[in-house]
Amino acid sequence: NPFLMSDYKTILSINLGLLVAVLLFKVDELIYVLLAIDFLCLLSEKIAVFLVQIINKIISTVATIGSTLVLGAIYCLVLFPLAILKNLLSKKKQQESSSFIERNYEYQATDFEKMW
């Protein structure tokens, strides 16, 4: 697995994210984590590739969970209330009849022998 330019971008984005976290949350220990990641990635390409694979798995998992939550929220907050409003505001009564045709037929064993 060759180390691609996109892998460098991923490591740089990890560094930038940790740096922003240090500045926002005033957690100085994250600087040591940032330096350790930089040192390990410079030390070995295999470690860098492994780190990029872990980050990609985490990002895809978060994206899957996030999209599910967003679609669920849209359904609960938009579509479900609209459906209830439509049913409440519709003036037409629902038809009691159906488009299904009822067939009173007694099935025999020969009906199932050569179905095709």
N, C-alpha and C. Protein backbone atom coordinates (compact mmCIF):
# COMPACT_ATOMS: atom_id res chain seq x y z
N ASN A 1 0.85 -1.18 0.00
CA ASN A 1 0.00 0.00 0.00
C ASN A 1 0.90 1.25 0.00
N PRO A 2 1.04 1.89 -1.12
CA PRO A 2 1.92 3.06 -1.15
C PRO A 2 1.31 4.23 -0.38
N PHE A 3 2.20 5.00 0.19
CA PHE A 3 1.78 6.16 0.97
C PHE A 3 1.46 7.29 0.00
N LEU A 4 0.21 7.65 -0.10
CA LEU A 4 -0.25 8.61 -1.09
C LEU A 4 -0.28 10.03 -0.53
N MET A 5 -0.47 10.98 -1.42
CA MET A 5 -0.56 12.37 -0.99
C MET A 5 -1.79 12.60 -0.13
N SER A 6 -2.87 11.85 -0.39
CA SER A 6 -4.06 12.00 0.44
C SER A 6 -3.80 11.55 1.87
N ASP A 7 -2.88 10.59 2.05
CA ASP A 7 -2.52 10.16 3.40
C ASP A 7 -1.81 11.29 4.15
N TYR A 8 -0.97 12.02 3.45
CA TYR A 8 -0.33 13.19 4.07
C TYR A 8 -1.37 14.22 4.47
N LYS A 9 -2.36 14.41 3.62
CA LYS A 9 -3.43 15.37 3.93
C LYS A 9 -4.21 14.92 5.16
N THR A 10 -4.43 13.61 5.28
CA THR A 10 -5.15 13.09 6.43
C THR A 10 -4.37 13.35 7.71
N ILE A 11 -3.07 13.09 7.68
CA ILE A 11 -2.24 13.32 8.87
C ILE A 11 -2.18 14.81 9.20
N LEU A 12 -2.10 15.66 8.19
CA LEU A 12 -2.11 17.09 8.44
C LEU A 12 -3.43 17.55 9.04
N SER A 13 -4.54 16.96 8.58
CA SER A 13 -5.84 17.34 9.14
C SER A 13 -5.98 16.85 10.59
N ILE A 14 -5.39 15.70 10.92
CA ILE A 14 -5.38 15.24 12.31
C ILE A 14 -4.60 16.24 13.16
N ASN A 15 -3.44 16.66 12.67
CA ASN A 15 -2.63 17.63 13.40
C ASN A 15 -3.37 18.94 13.60
N LEU A 16 -4.01 19.40 12.54
CA LEU A 16 -4.75 20.66 12.64
C LEU A 16 -5.91 20.54 13.62
N GLY A 17 -6.62 19.42 13.57
CA GLY A 17 -7.72 19.21 14.51
C GLY A 17 -7.26 19.18 15.95
N LEU A 18 -6.16 18.50 16.21
CA LEU A 18 -5.63 18.47 17.57
C LEU A 18 -5.14 19.85 18.01
N LEU A 19 -4.55 20.59 17.09
CA LEU A 19 -4.09 21.94 17.42
C LEU A 19 -5.26 22.86 17.75
N VAL A 20 -6.34 22.76 16.99
CA VAL A 20 -7.54 23.54 17.28
C VAL A 20 -8.13 23.12 18.63
N ALA A 21 -8.11 21.82 18.93
CA ALA A 21 -8.62 21.35 20.22
C ALA A 21 -7.77 21.90 21.37
N VAL A 22 -6.46 21.96 21.17
CA VAL A 22 -5.59 22.54 22.21
C VAL A 22 -5.94 24.01 22.44
N LEU A 23 -6.15 24.74 21.35
CA LEU A 23 -6.45 26.16 21.48
C LEU A 23 -7.83 26.42 22.06
N LEU A 24 -8.81 25.61 21.70
CA LEU A 24 -10.18 25.81 22.18
C LEU A 24 -10.38 25.36 23.62
N PHE A 25 -9.90 24.17 23.93
CA PHE A 25 -10.21 23.56 25.22
C PHE A 25 -9.09 23.73 26.25
N LYS A 26 -8.01 24.34 25.84
CA LYS A 26 -6.88 24.59 26.74
C LYS A 26 -6.38 23.31 27.41
N VAL A 27 -6.31 22.23 26.63
CA VAL A 27 -5.81 20.95 27.12
C VAL A 27 -4.39 20.81 26.59
N ASP A 28 -3.43 21.07 27.45
CA ASP A 28 -2.04 21.07 27.01
C ASP A 28 -1.51 19.67 26.75
N GLU A 29 -2.15 18.65 27.30
CA GLU A 29 -1.69 17.28 27.07
C GLU A 29 -1.86 16.86 25.62
N LEU A 30 -2.79 17.50 24.92
CA LEU A 30 -2.98 17.17 23.50
C LEU A 30 -1.78 17.57 22.65
N ILE A 31 -1.00 18.52 23.13
CA ILE A 31 0.22 18.89 22.40
C ILE A 31 1.17 17.69 22.35
N TYR A 32 1.25 16.94 23.46
CA TYR A 32 2.12 15.77 23.49
C TYR A 32 1.60 14.67 22.56
N VAL A 33 0.29 14.53 22.49
CA VAL A 33 -0.30 13.57 21.56
C VAL A 33 0.01 13.99 20.12
N LEU A 34 -0.10 15.27 19.86
CA LEU A 34 0.19 15.81 18.54
C LEU A 34 1.64 15.55 18.16
N LEU A 35 2.55 15.82 19.07
CA LEU A 35 3.97 15.60 18.80
C LEU A 35 4.29 14.11 18.62
N ALA A 36 3.63 13.26 19.41
CA ALA A 36 3.86 11.81 19.29
C ALA A 36 3.38 11.30 17.93
N ILE A 37 2.23 11.78 17.48
CA ILE A 37 1.72 11.37 16.17
C ILE A 37 2.69 11.83 15.07
N ASP A 38 3.14 13.07 15.18
CA ASP A 38 4.09 13.58 14.18
C ASP A 38 5.37 12.76 14.17
N PHE A 39 5.92 12.49 15.35
CA PHE A 39 7.17 11.74 15.45
C PHE A 39 7.03 10.33 14.90
N LEU A 40 5.92 9.65 15.28
CA LEU A 40 5.72 8.28 14.80
C LEU A 40 5.51 8.22 13.30
N CYS A 41 4.80 9.20 12.75
CA CYS A 41 4.57 9.21 11.30
C CYS A 41 5.85 9.51 10.54
N LEU A 42 6.72 10.32 11.12
CA LEU A 42 8.01 10.58 10.47
C LEU A 42 8.95 9.39 10.63
N LEU A 43 8.79 8.66 11.71
CA LEU A 43 9.67 7.53 11.99
C LEU A 43 9.40 6.36 11.05
N SER A 44 8.11 6.06 10.83
CA SER A 44 7.78 4.88 10.05
C SER A 44 6.58 5.16 9.15
N GLU A 45 6.73 4.76 7.91
CA GLU A 45 5.62 4.91 6.96
C GLU A 45 4.49 3.94 7.28
N LYS A 46 4.83 2.76 7.81
CA LYS A 46 3.80 1.77 8.16
C LYS A 46 2.91 2.30 9.28
N ILE A 47 3.51 2.97 10.25
CA ILE A 47 2.71 3.55 11.33
C ILE A 47 1.80 4.63 10.78
N ALA A 48 2.31 5.43 9.86
CA ALA A 48 1.49 6.49 9.26
C ALA A 48 0.32 5.90 8.48
N VAL A 49 0.57 4.85 7.71
CA VAL A 49 -0.50 4.20 6.95
C VAL A 49 -1.53 3.59 7.90
N PHE A 50 -1.04 2.96 8.97
CA PHE A 50 -1.95 2.37 9.96
C PHE A 50 -2.81 3.45 10.63
N LEU A 51 -2.20 4.58 10.97
CA LEU A 51 -2.95 5.67 11.58
C LEU A 51 -4.01 6.21 10.62
N VAL A 52 -3.65 6.34 9.36
CA VAL A 52 -4.61 6.83 8.36
C VAL A 52 -5.77 5.84 8.21
N GLN A 53 -5.49 4.55 8.23
CA GLN A 53 -6.56 3.55 8.13
C GLN A 53 -7.50 3.62 9.33
N ILE A 54 -6.94 3.81 10.52
CA ILE A 54 -7.77 3.92 11.72
C ILE A 54 -8.66 5.16 11.64
N ILE A 55 -8.08 6.27 11.23
CA ILE A 55 -8.85 7.51 11.12
C ILE A 55 -9.94 7.38 10.07
N ASN A 56 -9.64 6.73 8.96
CA ASN A 56 -10.67 6.54 7.92
C ASN A 56 -11.82 5.67 8.41
N LYS A 57 -11.52 4.63 9.21
CA LYS A 57 -12.59 3.79 9.78
C LYS A 57 -13.46 4.60 10.74
N ILE A 58 -12.80 5.41 11.57
CA ILE A 58 -13.56 6.23 12.53
C ILE A 58 -14.44 7.22 11.79
N ILE A 59 -13.91 7.85 10.76
CA ILE A 59 -14.68 8.84 10.00
C ILE A 59 -15.86 8.18 9.29
N SER A 60 -15.67 7.00 8.71
CA SER A 60 -16.79 6.34 8.02
C SER A 60 -17.86 5.90 9.02
N THR A 61 -17.45 5.45 10.20
CA THR A 61 -18.43 5.06 11.22
C THR A 61 -19.23 6.26 11.70
N VAL A 62 -18.55 7.36 11.96
CA VAL A 62 -19.24 8.58 12.39
C VAL A 62 -20.18 9.09 11.30
N ALA A 63 -19.76 9.00 10.05
CA ALA A 63 -20.60 9.44 8.94
C ALA A 63 -21.86 8.58 8.82
N THR A 64 -21.70 7.28 9.00
CA THR A 64 -22.86 6.39 8.93
C THR A 64 -23.85 6.69 10.05
N ILE A 65 -23.34 6.84 11.25
CA ILE A 65 -24.21 7.13 12.39
C ILE A 65 -24.85 8.50 12.23
N GLY A 66 -24.05 9.48 11.79
CA GLY A 66 -24.58 10.83 11.62
C GLY A 66 -25.67 10.92 10.57
N SER A 67 -25.47 10.24 9.45
CA SER A 67 -26.50 10.29 8.40
C SER A 67 -27.78 9.60 8.85
N THR A 68 -27.64 8.52 9.61
CA THR A 68 -28.83 7.85 10.14
C THR A 68 -29.58 8.75 11.10
N LEU A 69 -28.86 9.44 11.96
CA LEU A 69 -29.50 10.35 12.91
C LEU A 69 -30.17 11.53 12.20
N VAL A 70 -29.53 12.07 11.18
CA VAL A 70 -30.11 13.20 10.46
C VAL A 70 -31.37 12.77 9.72
N LEU A 71 -31.32 11.62 9.05
CA LEU A 71 -32.52 11.15 8.35
C LEU A 71 -33.65 10.81 9.32
N GLY A 72 -33.31 10.25 10.47
CA GLY A 72 -34.33 9.98 11.48
C GLY A 72 -34.95 11.26 12.01
N ALA A 73 -34.13 12.27 12.23
CA ALA A 73 -34.65 13.55 12.71
C ALA A 73 -35.54 14.20 11.67
N ILE A 74 -35.14 14.14 10.40
CA ILE A 74 -35.98 14.70 9.34
C ILE A 74 -37.32 13.98 9.29
N TYR A 75 -37.29 12.66 9.43
CA TYR A 75 -38.54 11.90 9.40
C TYR A 75 -39.43 12.30 10.57
N CYS A 76 -38.85 12.34 11.78
CA CYS A 76 -39.66 12.62 12.98
C CYS A 76 -40.13 14.06 13.04
N LEU A 77 -39.32 14.98 12.59
CA LEU A 77 -39.65 16.40 12.75
C LEU A 77 -40.36 17.00 11.54
N VAL A 78 -40.24 16.38 10.36
CA VAL A 78 -40.83 16.97 9.17
C VAL A 78 -41.89 16.06 8.56
N LEU A 79 -41.51 14.86 8.16
CA LEU A 79 -42.42 14.02 7.40
C LEU A 79 -43.59 13.49 8.22
N PHE A 80 -43.32 13.04 9.43
CA PHE A 80 -44.40 12.50 10.27
C PHE A 80 -45.44 13.57 10.61
N PRO A 81 -45.03 14.79 11.06
CA PRO A 81 -46.06 15.81 11.31
C PRO A 81 -46.83 16.23 10.04
N LEU A 82 -46.14 16.26 8.90
CA LEU A 82 -46.86 16.59 7.66
C LEU A 82 -47.89 15.53 7.31
N ALA A 83 -47.57 14.28 7.54
CA ALA A 83 -48.53 13.21 7.25
C ALA A 83 -49.73 13.30 8.18
N ILE A 84 -49.49 13.61 9.44
CA ILE A 84 -50.62 13.76 10.38
C ILE A 84 -51.48 14.96 9.99
N LEU A 85 -50.84 16.08 9.62
CA LEU A 85 -51.61 17.25 9.20
C LEU A 85 -52.42 16.96 7.95
N LYS A 86 -51.86 16.23 7.03
CA LYS A 86 -52.59 15.89 5.80
C LYS A 86 -53.82 15.06 6.13
N ASN A 87 -53.66 14.09 7.03
CA ASN A 87 -54.81 13.27 7.40
C ASN A 87 -55.86 14.07 8.16
N LEU A 88 -55.44 14.99 8.98
CA LEU A 88 -56.39 15.79 9.74
C LEU A 88 -57.12 16.81 8.87
N LEU A 89 -56.43 17.36 7.90
CA LEU A 89 -57.00 18.42 7.09
C LEU A 89 -57.69 17.93 5.82
N SER A 90 -57.55 16.66 5.50
CA SER A 90 -58.20 16.17 4.28
C SER A 90 -59.70 16.08 4.52
N LYS A 91 -60.47 16.57 3.55
CA LYS A 91 -61.92 16.61 3.68
C LYS A 91 -62.56 15.32 3.22
N LYS A 92 -61.86 14.60 2.36
CA LYS A 92 -62.40 13.36 1.84
C LYS A 92 -62.27 12.26 2.88
N LYS A 93 -63.34 11.49 3.02
CA LYS A 93 -63.25 10.32 3.87
C LYS A 93 -62.56 9.21 3.10
N GLN A 94 -61.87 8.39 3.83
CA GLN A 94 -61.21 7.29 3.15
C GLN A 94 -62.25 6.27 2.71
N GLN A 95 -62.01 5.70 1.55
CA GLN A 95 -62.95 4.73 1.01
C GLN A 95 -62.90 3.45 1.84
N GLU A 96 -64.07 2.91 2.06
CA GLU A 96 -64.12 1.67 2.80
C GLU A 96 -63.86 0.48 1.90
N SER A 97 -64.10 0.66 0.61
CA SER A 97 -63.86 -0.45 -0.30
C SER A 97 -62.39 -0.48 -0.69
N SER A 98 -62.02 -1.57 -1.25
CA SER A 98 -60.63 -1.73 -1.65
C SER A 98 -60.57 -2.14 -3.09
N SER A 99 -59.38 -2.08 -3.66
CA SER A 99 -59.25 -2.46 -5.05
C SER A 99 -58.91 -3.95 -5.20
N PHE A 100 -58.83 -4.64 -4.09
CA PHE A 100 -58.59 -6.08 -4.14
C PHE A 100 -59.87 -6.80 -4.52
N ILE A 101 -59.71 -7.83 -5.31
CA ILE A 101 -60.86 -8.64 -5.72
C ILE A 101 -60.87 -9.90 -4.88
N GLU A 102 -61.97 -10.11 -4.20
CA GLU A 102 -62.07 -11.30 -3.37
C GLU A 102 -62.53 -12.46 -4.23
N ARG A 103 -61.83 -13.55 -4.09
CA ARG A 103 -62.14 -14.72 -4.91
C ARG A 103 -62.44 -15.88 -3.97
N ASN A 104 -63.65 -16.33 -4.02
CA ASN A 104 -64.05 -17.49 -3.20
C ASN A 104 -63.76 -18.74 -4.01
N TYR A 105 -62.64 -19.36 -3.70
CA TYR A 105 -62.22 -20.52 -4.47
C TYR A 105 -61.56 -21.50 -3.52
N GLU A 106 -61.94 -22.76 -3.63
CA GLU A 106 -61.31 -23.83 -2.84
C GLU A 106 -60.16 -24.38 -3.64
N TYR A 107 -58.98 -24.28 -3.11
CA TYR A 107 -57.80 -24.79 -3.80
C TYR A 107 -57.70 -26.30 -3.65
N GLN A 108 -57.34 -26.94 -4.74
CA GLN A 108 -57.16 -28.39 -4.77
C GLN A 108 -55.66 -28.70 -4.82
N ALA A 109 -55.30 -29.94 -4.59
CA ALA A 109 -53.90 -30.35 -4.64
C ALA A 109 -53.34 -30.21 -6.05
N THR A 110 -54.17 -30.36 -7.05
CA THR A 110 -53.70 -30.25 -8.44
C THR A 110 -53.34 -28.80 -8.81
N ASP A 111 -53.86 -27.85 -8.08
CA ASP A 111 -53.52 -26.45 -8.35
C ASP A 111 -52.04 -26.15 -8.06
N PHE A 112 -51.43 -26.93 -7.18
CA PHE A 112 -50.07 -26.67 -6.77
C PHE A 112 -49.05 -27.57 -7.44
N GLU A 113 -49.48 -28.45 -8.30
CA GLU A 113 -48.56 -29.40 -8.89
C GLU A 113 -47.70 -28.78 -10.01
N LYS A 114 -48.29 -28.19 -10.99
CA LYS A 114 -47.56 -27.57 -12.08
C LYS A 114 -47.94 -26.09 -12.12
N MET A 115 -47.28 -25.35 -11.27
CA MET A 115 -47.66 -23.94 -11.13
C MET A 115 -47.16 -23.09 -12.30
N TRP A 116 -46.08 -23.52 -12.96
CA TRP A 116 -45.56 -22.74 -14.08
C TRP A 116 -45.84 -23.49 -15.33
